[in-house]
């Protein structure tokens, strides 16, 4: 009698329909593509860590000398709003600008101002007017309060320049006194101040900036009070 030869069977597997085979192949492709994406992300992640770090800065306030109050005791019968000076790109930031030679603009490495240069100048002017006392009604463009006059200006220079191998702080401001009701310019003047630094080191240059800014503020106060009183 012939015996039947048994056919090996694969346990746990049932015959697969064509649709099931397709779904399994599609899932395999998704798995492989997911692995490729994950690998790419893993390769990119270390690349992000080798970007250069931000340069650490020593932040400087604009130094100020002790203000001298005016002898006049009566305040002017008009109010004044002091606007932030307009400035070019290289003077609008917080880096301390230096012009080591003609037509080349640079910045001091590892040093910066506490505020952008136009804000430093505006705040120094505000401090000078408050200390002077002859214009009691003071405000800034931050609040846009009503005022009889506005001190508008362009900051042309706020930088260190080298002369005979020594740095000096240079501040130039084109100022305009504007009647706010009519927007008429009642007076204009260009101010240019220089203050030599005692050394080429950044702290000495910063002190020179403070001296130049103080002298600028004193001249602007005198000019504004004179022109404002004449126009009013």
Protein backbone atom coordinates (compact mmCIF):
# COMPACT_ATOMS: atom_id res chain seq x y z
CA UNK A 1 0.00 0.00 0.00
CA UNK A 2 1.39 3.37 -0.89
CA UNK A 3 1.54 5.85 1.91
CA UNK A 4 0.65 9.46 1.46
CA UNK A 5 3.62 11.80 1.76
CA UNK A 6 2.76 14.67 4.04
CA UNK A 7 3.28 18.23 2.76
CA UNK A 8 5.10 20.55 5.20
CA UNK A 9 2.90 23.33 6.40
CA UNK A 10 3.94 26.80 7.66
CA UNK A 11 2.30 27.25 10.96
CA UNK A 12 0.45 30.45 11.73
CA UNK A 13 0.24 31.58 8.14
CA UNK A 14 -2.85 31.52 6.09
CA UNK A 15 -3.02 31.94 2.36
CA UNK A 16 -2.72 35.66 1.57
CA UNK A 17 -4.98 37.45 -0.82
CA UNK A 18 -3.47 39.83 -3.41
CA UNK A 19 -4.78 42.90 -1.55
CA UNK A 20 -3.05 41.91 1.66
CA UNK A 21 0.23 41.43 -0.18
CA UNK A 22 -0.04 44.94 -1.65
CA UNK A 23 -0.75 46.52 1.70
CA UNK A 24 2.24 44.82 3.31
CA UNK A 25 4.58 45.96 0.50
CA UNK A 26 3.28 49.55 0.80
CA UNK A 27 3.85 49.51 4.57
CA UNK A 28 7.40 48.32 4.00
CA UNK A 29 8.11 51.21 1.66
CA UNK A 30 6.74 53.70 4.24
CA UNK A 31 8.98 52.15 6.90
CA UNK A 32 12.04 52.43 4.67
CA UNK A 33 11.29 56.06 3.74
CA UNK A 34 10.69 56.91 7.40
CA UNK A 35 14.11 55.52 8.21
CA UNK A 36 15.71 57.67 5.51
CA UNK A 37 14.01 60.83 6.86
CA UNK A 38 15.04 60.02 10.43
CA UNK A 39 18.62 59.41 9.31
CA UNK A 40 18.68 62.73 7.44
CA UNK A 41 17.41 64.58 10.49
CA UNK A 42 20.05 62.91 12.65
CA UNK A 43 22.78 64.01 10.21
CA UNK A 44 21.52 67.61 10.12
CA UNK A 45 21.28 67.94 13.90
CA UNK A 46 25.04 67.96 14.55
CA UNK A 47 25.45 70.53 11.75
CA UNK A 48 23.30 72.98 13.71
CA UNK A 49 25.64 72.80 16.66
CA UNK A 50 28.72 73.95 14.72
CA UNK A 51 27.31 77.38 13.80
CA UNK A 52 29.38 80.27 15.26
CA UNK A 53 28.22 81.49 18.63
CA UNK A 54 27.25 85.12 19.22
CA UNK A 55 30.18 87.31 20.15
CA UNK A 56 30.14 88.23 23.86
CA UNK A 57 29.97 91.98 24.36
CA UNK A 58 31.02 94.36 27.11
CA UNK A 59 28.05 96.74 27.33
CA UNK A 60 28.80 100.41 28.08
CA UNK A 61 26.60 103.23 29.31
CA UNK A 62 27.22 106.68 27.85
CA UNK A 63 29.19 108.46 30.61
CA UNK A 64 27.92 111.80 31.90
CA UNK A 65 29.57 114.60 33.82
CA UNK A 66 27.80 116.41 36.63
CA UNK A 67 25.18 118.73 35.03
CA UNK A 68 25.35 122.47 35.71
CA UNK A 69 22.00 124.11 36.35
CA UNK A 70 21.17 127.40 34.68
CA UNK A 71 20.91 130.56 36.74
CA UNK A 72 17.48 131.43 35.33
CA UNK A 73 14.62 130.63 37.68
CA UNK A 74 11.67 131.24 35.35
CA UNK A 75 10.68 128.47 32.95
CA UNK A 76 9.93 129.21 29.31
CA UNK A 77 6.21 129.58 28.50
CA UNK A 78 6.34 126.83 25.89
CA UNK A 79 6.75 123.07 25.81
CA UNK A 80 9.20 120.90 23.91
CA UNK A 81 9.14 117.34 22.56
CA UNK A 82 12.53 115.78 21.82
CA UNK A 83 12.51 113.23 19.02
CA UNK A 84 14.96 110.42 18.49
CA UNK A 85 17.46 111.49 15.82
CA UNK A 86 17.30 109.78 12.46
CA UNK A 87 20.48 107.87 11.60
CA UNK A 88 22.02 105.74 8.90
CA UNK A 89 22.41 101.99 9.11
CA UNK A 90 25.86 101.98 10.69
CA UNK A 91 24.77 104.42 13.43
CA UNK A 92 21.38 102.86 14.20
CA UNK A 93 22.63 99.88 16.20
CA UNK A 94 24.34 99.34 19.53
CA UNK A 95 27.88 98.65 18.35
CA UNK A 96 30.55 101.27 19.03
CA UNK A 97 31.54 102.53 15.59
CA UNK A 98 35.12 103.40 14.68
CA UNK A 99 36.55 104.90 11.50
CA UNK A 100 40.21 103.84 11.58
CA UNK A 101 40.91 105.43 8.21
CA UNK A 102 39.09 107.40 5.53
CA UNK A 103 36.06 105.69 4.01
CA UNK A 104 36.34 102.54 6.14
CA UNK A 105 33.79 101.94 8.89
CA UNK A 106 34.26 99.28 11.53
CA UNK A 107 33.21 98.49 15.11
CA UNK A 108 35.13 97.77 18.29
CA UNK A 109 35.39 94.03 18.91
CA UNK A 110 33.51 92.77 21.95
CA UNK A 111 32.03 96.15 22.90
CA UNK A 112 28.60 97.75 22.52
CA UNK A 113 26.34 100.48 23.85
CA UNK A 114 23.48 99.90 26.27
CA UNK A 115 21.06 101.42 23.73
CA UNK A 116 21.20 102.34 20.04
CA UNK A 117 23.18 105.52 19.43
CA UNK A 118 20.12 107.67 18.48
CA UNK A 119 18.45 106.72 21.79
CA UNK A 120 21.61 107.59 23.72
CA UNK A 121 21.73 111.03 22.10
CA UNK A 122 18.03 111.74 22.65
CA UNK A 123 18.21 110.71 26.30
CA UNK A 124 21.32 112.83 26.86
CA UNK A 125 19.48 115.83 25.42
CA UNK A 126 16.50 115.16 27.70
CA UNK A 127 18.78 114.94 30.73
CA UNK A 128 20.46 118.22 29.78
CA UNK A 129 17.15 120.07 29.38
CA UNK A 130 15.89 118.73 32.72
CA UNK A 131 19.08 119.78 34.47
CA UNK A 132 18.96 123.22 32.83
CA UNK A 133 15.40 123.87 34.03
CA UNK A 134 14.47 126.60 31.56
CA UNK A 135 12.06 124.36 29.63
CA UNK A 136 9.76 122.70 32.14
CA UNK A 137 7.34 121.13 29.66
CA UNK A 138 9.50 118.33 28.32
CA UNK A 139 8.55 115.06 26.66
CA UNK A 140 9.99 112.56 24.18
CA UNK A 141 8.69 110.94 21.02
CA UNK A 142 8.08 107.72 22.98
CA UNK A 143 4.80 109.15 24.31
CA UNK A 144 3.92 111.66 21.56
CA UNK A 145 2.45 114.20 23.99
CA UNK A 146 1.27 117.58 22.75
CA UNK A 147 4.03 120.18 22.68
CA UNK A 148 4.53 123.66 21.20
CA UNK A 149 7.85 122.71 19.59
CA UNK A 150 9.61 119.54 18.55
CA UNK A 151 13.36 119.14 18.40
CA UNK A 152 13.94 117.02 15.29
CA UNK A 153 17.40 116.01 14.13
CA UNK A 154 19.66 113.80 12.03
CA UNK A 155 22.61 112.05 13.66
CA UNK A 156 25.42 112.41 11.13
CA UNK A 157 28.25 110.99 13.22
CA UNK A 158 28.60 109.12 16.50
CA UNK A 159 31.89 107.39 16.09
CA UNK A 160 35.54 107.22 16.98
CA UNK A 161 37.92 108.65 14.39
CA UNK A 162 41.70 108.46 14.36
CA UNK A 163 43.76 111.62 14.05
CA UNK A 164 47.55 111.35 14.12
CA UNK A 165 47.22 107.81 15.42
CA UNK A 166 44.98 108.76 18.37
CA UNK A 167 41.23 108.16 18.60
CA UNK A 168 38.74 110.89 19.30
CA UNK A 169 34.97 110.76 19.71
CA UNK A 170 33.08 112.63 16.99
CA UNK A 171 29.42 113.62 17.28
CA UNK A 172 27.58 115.54 14.54
CA UNK A 173 23.93 116.49 14.77
CA UNK A 174 21.77 118.46 12.32
CA UNK A 175 19.00 119.91 14.48
CA UNK A 176 15.68 121.51 13.55
CA UNK A 177 13.24 123.28 15.85
CA UNK A 178 9.76 122.63 14.47
CA UNK A 179 6.51 124.39 15.38
CA UNK A 180 4.24 121.39 15.89
CA UNK A 181 0.94 123.10 15.03
CA UNK A 182 2.10 124.25 11.59
CA UNK A 183 5.05 121.81 11.07
CA UNK A 184 7.11 124.86 10.15
CA UNK A 185 10.86 124.79 10.80
CA UNK A 186 11.55 127.91 12.85
CA UNK A 187 15.32 127.32 13.21
CA UNK A 188 18.01 124.86 12.19
CA UNK A 189 21.64 124.37 13.11
CA UNK A 190 24.46 121.85 12.61
CA UNK A 191 26.50 120.84 15.65
CA UNK A 192 29.90 119.12 15.49
CA UNK A 193 31.82 118.13 18.61
CA UNK A 194 35.09 116.27 19.08
CA UNK A 195 36.67 114.92 22.25
CA UNK A 196 40.08 113.19 22.26
CA UNK A 197 40.52 109.91 24.08
CA UNK A 198 43.36 109.53 26.56
CA UNK A 199 44.12 106.03 25.27
CA UNK A 200 43.27 103.68 22.43
CA UNK A 201 41.52 101.23 24.79
CA UNK A 202 37.72 101.02 24.56
CA UNK A 203 37.01 102.39 28.09
CA UNK A 204 39.01 105.53 27.28
CA UNK A 205 37.16 105.94 23.98
CA UNK A 206 33.83 105.55 25.79
CA UNK A 207 34.80 108.35 28.19
CA UNK A 208 35.56 110.56 25.19
CA UNK A 209 32.09 109.84 23.80
CA UNK A 210 30.59 110.96 27.11
CA UNK A 211 32.53 114.25 27.02
CA UNK A 212 31.51 114.97 23.42
CA UNK A 213 27.86 114.14 24.13
CA UNK A 214 27.81 116.44 27.17
CA UNK A 215 29.20 119.34 25.16
CA UNK A 216 26.74 118.67 22.36
CA UNK A 217 23.81 118.65 24.79
CA UNK A 218 24.90 121.92 26.41
CA UNK A 219 25.12 123.67 23.02
CA UNK A 220 21.76 122.27 21.87
CA UNK A 221 20.04 123.45 25.06
CA UNK A 222 21.35 127.01 24.67
CA UNK A 223 20.41 127.16 21.00
CA UNK A 224 16.92 125.69 21.53
CA UNK A 225 16.03 128.02 24.41
CA UNK A 226 17.19 131.04 22.45
CA UNK A 227 15.42 130.13 19.20
CA UNK A 228 12.26 128.84 20.89
CA UNK A 229 11.83 132.02 22.95
CA UNK A 230 12.39 134.18 19.87
CA UNK A 231 9.84 132.22 17.83
CA UNK A 232 7.20 132.11 20.54
